[in-house]
Amino acid sequence: MTEISKEGPRVNSQNNARSKKRLRQNDNCTRRKEARKEEEEEKDHGFPRTLRAGNGYITAGCLQPTPATATEATFRANFARDGYLLIRGHLPRRQVKAARAKIVEDMTERGFVEKGSDDTKQGGQARISKPPEGCKEDAGDSPGLLQRQDLANSPTVRAVLEHPKLKDLLQILFGRIAAQRSKDSENDQANGVGQTAITPHPYKWLRSVPPGLNTGPHVDRVYFPNLQTIWIPLGDINTSLGSLVLVPGSHTSEAFSNFHATYGNSSVGKDGTQSGWCTDDVSQISTLFKIDENAMNWVTEDVRMGDVIVVDNRTLHMSATNVLDPPTWRISCDTRWFC
């Protein structure tokens, strides 16, 4: 009779443990390879780029993100230096997809989006079913999202536009300033002064931009001296679809002193739904405001659902023209906050 080794179960257990360890090592190795691949793609994804912006063209470098894991001190330092913060994946992508789906469903029902064209799993491609020629955001032949506050305040959409992580971010950047302002002006509620906490503006600037259009160069201060903007892409938006473009450091650079003393101190555009652009021709900004050409360093970046960009209200920015083919709506929202 053959004797069965008492070591058998222990050997099998050890083999299983080794197999699991190898699987973990292989998994970790795969993740490291994917991470390195992503890093390489980040380093080389076509910058600088030539972009159409309104009536002209610009060359733009790469807008640099601040890691979501950065310290609060780094967030504040980068924002103070550059006049913006791009944070990847700051909002849950799943929730942003749900908000986009709600908006696109409404646009589709009203005949503005080709049925079945928007696959949020792939980042969304809300193809246009109505000719956008001559279409303006607030015109009768457009979806008119700026006026759709009912849609912006639907629970699914509002959950993104007023997500707690947005307020948390602004608290890091402006909490001390807001507290001091509240203390100094507690009896003055005009234009947000005297707010006891960082709070969202009730109006939401939902936008659906068709091909051939863009938002021209401006600073938000001329619309809202006491509000802070967070730009939220409600879809994966590359430069061809009309990404955000800005000039880092333009909020404090001496080269922009005349720009801020003239246009920057004006009050135009009413509530931000009308144009308050500094010019219709981006190539004329340097000449019009006596800015050194070397200081006009435009940057941009492809963004995804979940990313957010905080823009100082003195930073010069605009959007690239939507030139994507087939014709597609660029959907985004400017949320503004009392800080």
Protein backbone atom coordinates (compact mmCIF):
# COMPACT_ATOMS: atom_id res chain seq x y z
CA MET A 1 0.00 0.00 0.00
CA THR A 2 1.38 3.36 -1.02
CA GLU A 3 1.83 5.77 1.85
CA ILE A 4 0.31 9.20 1.35
CA SER A 5 2.65 11.99 2.37
CA LYS A 6 1.46 14.10 5.24
CA GLU A 7 3.24 17.02 3.58
CA GLY A 8 0.76 17.03 0.67
CA PRO A 9 -1.74 19.64 1.93
CA ARG A 10 1.04 21.91 3.12
CA VAL A 11 2.86 21.69 -0.23
CA ASN A 12 -0.35 22.51 -2.09
CA SER A 13 -0.95 25.46 0.22
CA GLN A 14 2.56 26.75 -0.41
CA ASN A 15 2.13 26.35 -4.17
CA ASN A 16 -1.15 28.26 -4.04
CA ALA A 17 0.50 31.04 -2.06
CA ARG A 18 3.33 31.24 -4.61
CA SER A 19 0.83 31.36 -7.47
CA LYS A 20 -1.11 34.17 -5.82
CA LYS A 21 2.12 36.06 -5.19
CA ARG A 22 3.15 35.68 -8.85
CA LEU A 23 -0.29 36.91 -9.94
CA ARG A 24 0.03 39.96 -7.68
CA GLN A 25 3.53 40.64 -9.02
CA ASN A 26 2.32 40.30 -12.61
CA ASP A 27 -0.62 42.58 -11.85
CA ASN A 28 1.65 45.17 -10.26
CA CYS A 29 4.04 44.90 -13.20
CA THR A 30 1.17 45.47 -15.65
CA ARG A 31 0.00 48.50 -13.68
CA ARG A 32 3.51 49.95 -13.66
CA LYS A 33 3.78 49.46 -17.42
CA GLU A 34 0.40 51.14 -17.94
CA ALA A 35 1.42 54.02 -15.66
CA ARG A 36 4.70 54.47 -17.58
CA LYS A 37 2.77 54.39 -20.86
CA GLU A 38 0.37 57.06 -19.59
CA GLU A 39 3.33 59.17 -18.44
CA GLU A 40 4.94 58.89 -21.87
CA GLU A 41 1.67 59.82 -23.56
CA GLU A 42 1.38 62.84 -21.26
CA LYS A 43 4.89 63.95 -22.21
CA ASP A 44 4.26 63.72 -25.94
CA HIS A 45 0.73 64.44 -27.05
CA GLY A 46 1.19 67.07 -29.68
CA PHE A 47 2.23 70.35 -28.06
CA PRO A 48 2.59 73.10 -29.00
CA ARG A 49 -0.63 73.12 -31.03
CA THR A 50 -2.03 75.57 -33.55
CA LEU A 51 -5.61 76.41 -32.63
CA ARG A 52 -8.34 78.37 -34.31
CA ALA A 53 -9.70 81.02 -31.95
CA GLY A 54 -12.45 83.19 -33.37
CA ASN A 55 -11.17 85.12 -36.37
CA GLY A 56 -7.57 83.99 -36.05
CA TYR A 57 -5.14 81.33 -34.95
CA ILE A 58 -2.82 80.95 -31.97
CA THR A 59 -0.04 78.61 -30.94
CA ALA A 60 -0.62 77.08 -27.51
CA GLY A 61 1.59 75.12 -25.17
CA CYS A 62 0.47 72.54 -22.64
CA LEU A 63 -1.59 73.62 -19.62
CA GLN A 64 0.00 71.92 -16.61
CA PRO A 65 -2.17 70.03 -14.09
CA THR A 66 -1.68 70.12 -10.34
CA PRO A 67 -1.82 66.58 -8.91
CA ALA A 68 -5.00 65.82 -6.99
CA THR A 69 -2.74 64.50 -4.22
CA ALA A 70 -0.86 67.81 -3.85
CA THR A 71 -0.73 69.52 -0.48
CA GLU A 72 -2.99 72.47 0.31
CA ALA A 73 0.09 74.70 0.28
CA THR A 74 0.90 73.53 -3.26
CA PHE A 75 -2.66 74.20 -4.43
CA ARG A 76 -2.44 77.75 -3.08
CA ALA A 77 1.08 78.37 -4.41
CA ASN A 78 0.30 77.12 -7.93
CA PHE A 79 -2.93 79.09 -8.11
CA ALA A 80 -1.22 82.27 -6.88
CA ARG A 81 1.61 81.86 -9.37
CA ASP A 82 -0.29 80.72 -12.48
CA GLY A 83 -3.80 82.09 -12.00
CA TYR A 84 -5.39 78.69 -12.58
CA LEU A 85 -5.55 75.11 -11.32
CA LEU A 86 -6.27 72.10 -13.52
CA ILE A 87 -7.04 69.09 -11.34
CA ARG A 88 -7.54 65.75 -13.04
CA GLY A 89 -10.36 63.53 -11.80
CA HIS A 90 -11.42 65.93 -9.05
CA LEU A 91 -15.08 64.97 -9.53
CA PRO A 92 -16.41 61.39 -9.75
CA ARG A 93 -16.51 60.60 -13.48
CA ARG A 94 -19.58 58.42 -12.97
CA GLN A 95 -21.56 61.39 -11.62
CA VAL A 96 -20.39 63.70 -14.41
CA LYS A 97 -21.44 61.10 -16.98
CA ALA A 98 -24.89 60.94 -15.40
CA ALA A 99 -25.23 64.74 -15.51
CA ARG A 100 -24.15 64.80 -19.15
CA ALA A 101 -26.61 62.02 -20.01
CA LYS A 102 -29.44 64.07 -18.48
CA ILE A 103 -28.50 67.13 -20.54
CA VAL A 104 -28.00 65.22 -23.79
CA GLU A 105 -31.30 63.39 -23.30
CA ASP A 106 -33.05 66.77 -23.14
CA MET A 107 -31.18 68.04 -26.23
CA THR A 108 -32.02 64.86 -28.12
CA GLU A 109 -35.72 65.06 -27.27
CA ARG A 110 -35.77 68.61 -28.65
CA GLY A 111 -34.05 67.54 -31.86
CA PHE A 112 -30.61 69.07 -31.32
CA VAL A 113 -28.62 65.84 -30.95
CA GLU A 114 -28.58 62.93 -33.36
CA LYS A 115 -30.25 59.98 -31.65
CA GLY A 116 -27.83 57.33 -30.44
CA SER A 117 -24.73 59.40 -31.21
CA ASP A 118 -23.71 60.16 -27.63
CA ASP A 119 -21.83 57.32 -25.99
CA THR A 120 -20.82 58.55 -22.55
CA LYS A 121 -18.69 55.44 -22.06
CA GLN A 122 -16.42 56.83 -24.76
CA GLY A 123 -16.50 60.37 -23.45
CA GLY A 124 -19.55 61.52 -25.36
CA GLN A 125 -20.01 62.72 -28.93
CA ALA A 126 -23.27 64.69 -29.02
CA ARG A 127 -23.50 65.02 -32.79
CA ILE A 128 -25.59 67.84 -34.13
CA SER A 129 -28.83 66.97 -35.89
CA LYS A 130 -29.78 70.56 -36.71
CA PRO A 131 -27.59 72.79 -38.90
CA PRO A 132 -25.58 75.08 -36.57
CA GLU A 133 -24.81 77.71 -39.23
CA GLY A 134 -25.24 81.16 -37.71
CA CYS A 135 -26.34 79.55 -34.48
CA LYS A 136 -25.68 81.41 -31.23
CA GLU A 137 -25.81 79.87 -27.77
CA ASP A 138 -28.87 81.90 -26.77
CA ALA A 139 -30.59 81.92 -30.18
CA GLY A 140 -33.85 80.17 -30.98
CA ASP A 141 -32.10 77.60 -33.19
CA SER A 142 -29.76 76.49 -30.39
CA PRO A 143 -30.41 74.34 -27.31
CA GLY A 144 -30.30 77.54 -25.23
CA LEU A 145 -28.74 75.84 -22.22
CA LEU A 146 -27.86 79.20 -20.65
CA GLN A 147 -31.57 79.74 -20.06
CA ARG A 148 -32.26 76.18 -18.89
CA GLN A 149 -31.91 76.69 -15.16
CA ASP A 150 -34.51 73.98 -14.65
CA LEU A 151 -32.11 71.53 -16.26
CA ALA A 152 -29.08 72.88 -14.38
CA ASN A 153 -30.95 72.49 -11.10
CA SER A 154 -32.22 68.98 -11.75
CA PRO A 155 -30.86 66.72 -8.98
CA THR A 156 -28.49 64.75 -11.24
CA VAL A 157 -26.90 67.84 -12.78
CA ARG A 158 -26.85 69.95 -9.65
CA ALA A 159 -25.10 67.13 -7.77
CA VAL A 160 -22.11 67.78 -10.05
CA LEU A 161 -22.28 71.57 -10.33
CA GLU A 162 -22.45 71.98 -6.54
CA HIS A 163 -20.42 68.93 -5.58
CA PRO A 164 -18.92 69.24 -2.06
CA LYS A 165 -15.42 68.73 -3.48
CA LEU A 166 -15.74 72.01 -5.40
CA LYS A 167 -16.47 73.92 -2.22
CA ASP A 168 -13.68 72.08 -0.42
CA LEU A 169 -11.23 73.17 -3.12
CA LEU A 170 -12.31 76.80 -2.92
CA GLN A 171 -12.08 76.62 0.86
CA ILE A 172 -8.41 75.69 0.46
CA LEU A 173 -7.80 78.57 -1.95
CA PHE A 174 -10.02 81.29 -0.52
CA GLY A 175 -11.16 80.22 2.95
CA ARG A 176 -8.97 82.68 4.82
CA ILE A 177 -9.91 85.55 2.49
CA ALA A 178 -13.63 84.75 2.76
CA ALA A 179 -13.44 84.62 6.54
CA GLN A 180 -11.68 87.98 6.71
CA ARG A 181 -14.13 89.56 4.27
CA SER A 182 -17.03 88.29 6.33
CA LYS A 183 -15.50 89.71 9.48
CA ASP A 184 -14.79 93.11 7.92
CA SER A 185 -18.08 93.46 6.02
CA GLU A 186 -20.62 91.38 7.87
CA ASN A 187 -23.37 93.94 7.29
CA ASP A 188 -22.74 94.39 3.59
CA GLN A 189 -24.31 91.70 1.41
CA ALA A 190 -23.99 93.48 -1.95
CA ASN A 191 -22.23 91.46 -4.68
CA GLY A 192 -21.44 88.67 -2.28
CA VAL A 193 -19.46 90.80 0.16
CA GLY A 194 -20.23 89.72 3.67
CA GLN A 195 -20.96 86.10 2.82
CA THR A 196 -20.27 84.07 5.94
CA ALA A 197 -19.17 81.04 3.91
CA ILE A 198 -18.12 80.01 0.42
CA THR A 199 -21.43 79.47 -1.39
CA PRO A 200 -22.44 78.70 -4.99
CA HIS A 201 -24.14 81.32 -7.13
CA PRO A 202 -27.69 80.06 -7.84
CA TYR A 203 -27.34 80.68 -11.59
CA LYS A 204 -25.47 78.02 -13.58
CA TRP A 205 -23.83 78.91 -16.88
CA LEU A 206 -24.56 75.76 -18.88
CA ARG A 207 -23.16 75.99 -22.41
CA SER A 208 -23.61 74.07 -25.66
CA VAL A 209 -21.19 75.41 -28.27
CA PRO A 210 -21.63 74.34 -31.91
CA PRO A 211 -18.90 74.21 -34.60
CA GLY A 212 -17.53 77.54 -35.74
CA LEU A 213 -18.04 79.28 -32.40
CA ASN A 214 -15.88 79.99 -29.39
CA THR A 215 -15.79 82.19 -26.32
CA GLY A 216 -13.52 85.17 -27.00
CA PRO A 217 -10.66 86.48 -24.83
CA HIS A 218 -11.72 88.02 -21.52
CA VAL A 219 -11.26 88.07 -17.77
CA ASP A 220 -14.15 87.19 -15.47
CA ARG A 221 -13.53 90.21 -13.26
CA VAL A 222 -15.30 92.50 -15.74
CA TYR A 223 -18.46 90.44 -15.22
CA PHE A 224 -18.18 89.37 -11.60
CA PRO A 225 -15.69 91.26 -9.41
CA ASN A 226 -16.57 89.18 -6.34
CA LEU A 227 -17.16 85.74 -7.80
CA GLN A 228 -14.79 82.87 -8.52
CA THR A 229 -15.19 80.54 -11.51
CA ILE A 230 -14.74 76.78 -11.75
CA TRP A 231 -15.02 75.46 -15.32
CA ILE A 232 -16.44 71.94 -15.57
CA PRO A 233 -16.26 69.95 -18.84
CA LEU A 234 -19.44 67.91 -19.23
CA GLY A 235 -17.82 65.61 -21.74
CA ASP A 236 -14.31 64.73 -22.86
CA ILE A 237 -13.21 67.94 -24.59
CA ASN A 238 -10.10 68.14 -26.75
CA THR A 239 -8.76 71.24 -28.45
CA SER A 240 -10.68 70.48 -31.66
CA LEU A 241 -13.95 70.56 -29.73
CA GLY A 242 -13.07 73.86 -28.04
CA SER A 243 -10.98 73.44 -24.91
CA LEU A 244 -10.19 76.22 -22.45
CA VAL A 245 -7.17 78.37 -23.37
CA LEU A 246 -5.44 80.81 -21.01
CA VAL A 247 -2.28 82.80 -20.33
CA PRO A 248 -0.58 81.67 -17.09
CA GLY A 249 0.48 84.52 -14.83
CA SER A 250 -1.56 87.11 -16.72
CA HIS A 251 -3.46 87.89 -13.51
CA THR A 252 -0.41 89.49 -11.83
CA SER A 253 2.28 89.94 -14.51
CA GLU A 254 3.60 93.48 -14.94
CA ALA A 255 3.35 92.93 -18.70
CA PHE A 256 -0.45 93.02 -18.34
CA SER A 257 -0.63 96.14 -16.17
CA ASN A 258 -2.14 98.32 -18.92
CA PHE A 259 -4.57 95.54 -19.83
CA HIS A 260 -5.86 95.38 -16.25
CA ALA A 261 -5.87 99.16 -15.79
CA THR A 262 -8.09 99.61 -18.86
CA TYR A 263 -10.22 96.65 -19.91
CA GLY A 264 -9.72 94.82 -16.62
CA ASN A 265 -11.26 97.69 -14.66
CA SER A 266 -14.30 97.99 -16.89
CA SER A 267 -17.75 96.58 -16.22
CA VAL A 268 -19.10 94.83 -19.29
CA GLY A 269 -21.17 91.87 -20.33
CA LYS A 270 -23.77 92.31 -17.57
CA ASP A 271 -24.26 88.85 -16.06
CA GLY A 272 -21.84 86.88 -18.18
CA THR A 273 -24.42 85.74 -20.74
CA GLN A 274 -23.44 88.55 -23.12
CA SER A 275 -20.05 89.32 -24.64
CA GLY A 276 -17.56 91.20 -22.53
CA TRP A 277 -14.59 90.15 -24.64
CA CYS A 278 -11.59 92.44 -24.80
CA THR A 279 -11.51 92.00 -28.60
CA ASP A 280 -12.94 89.82 -31.35
CA ASP A 281 -9.47 89.35 -32.85
CA VAL A 282 -7.10 87.51 -30.53
CA SER A 283 -4.09 88.54 -32.64
CA GLN A 284 -4.70 92.20 -31.71
CA ILE A 285 -4.54 91.83 -27.91
CA SER A 286 -0.84 92.70 -27.66
CA THR A 287 -1.21 95.80 -29.82
CA LEU A 288 -4.44 97.02 -28.24
CA PHE A 289 -3.19 96.74 -24.66
CA LYS A 290 0.55 97.25 -25.13
CA ILE A 291 1.49 93.76 -23.99
CA ASP A 292 4.91 92.32 -24.76
CA GLU A 293 4.43 89.52 -27.31
CA ASN A 294 6.77 87.33 -25.26
CA ALA A 295 4.28 87.45 -22.39
CA MET A 296 1.40 86.11 -24.51
CA ASN A 297 2.03 82.45 -23.79
CA TRP A 298 -1.27 80.68 -24.41
CA VAL A 299 -1.71 77.17 -22.98
CA THR A 300 -4.46 74.58 -23.27
CA GLU A 301 -5.09 70.90 -22.67
CA ASP A 302 -7.48 68.09 -23.54
CA VAL A 303 -9.77 67.48 -20.58
CA ARG A 304 -12.00 64.62 -19.47
CA MET A 305 -15.19 64.29 -17.47
CA GLY A 306 -14.17 64.61 -13.84
CA ASP A 307 -11.48 67.23 -14.48
CA VAL A 308 -12.00 70.80 -13.27
CA ILE A 309 -10.22 74.09 -13.95
CA VAL A 310 -10.31 76.92 -11.41
CA VAL A 311 -9.60 80.26 -13.12
CA ASP A 312 -8.62 83.42 -11.23
CA ASN A 313 -11.05 86.19 -12.19
CA ARG A 314 -8.11 88.29 -13.45
CA THR A 315 -6.60 85.60 -15.70
CA LEU A 316 -6.90 86.16 -19.47
CA HIS A 317 -8.66 83.19 -21.02
CA MET A 318 -10.99 82.07 -23.83
CA SER A 319 -11.93 78.84 -25.58
CA ALA A 320 -10.64 77.43 -28.83
CA THR A 321 -13.12 77.35 -31.71
CA ASN A 322 -15.11 74.15 -32.06
CA VAL A 323 -13.83 72.67 -35.34
CA LEU A 324 -14.63 69.00 -34.70
CA ASP A 325 -15.92 66.94 -37.61
CA PRO A 326 -18.53 65.44 -37.64
CA PRO A 327 -20.30 68.48 -36.13
CA THR A 328 -20.58 68.02 -32.37
CA TRP A 329 -21.85 70.08 -29.44
CA ARG A 330 -19.26 71.07 -26.83
CA ILE A 331 -21.06 70.87 -23.48
CA SER A 332 -19.64 72.48 -20.34
CA CYS A 333 -20.60 74.62 -17.38
CA ASP A 334 -19.15 77.64 -15.62
CA THR A 335 -20.02 77.46 -11.95
CA ARG A 336 -19.42 80.60 -9.94
CA TRP A 337 -18.99 80.99 -6.23
CA PHE A 338 -19.04 83.71 -3.59
CA CYS A 339 -15.62 83.58 -1.95
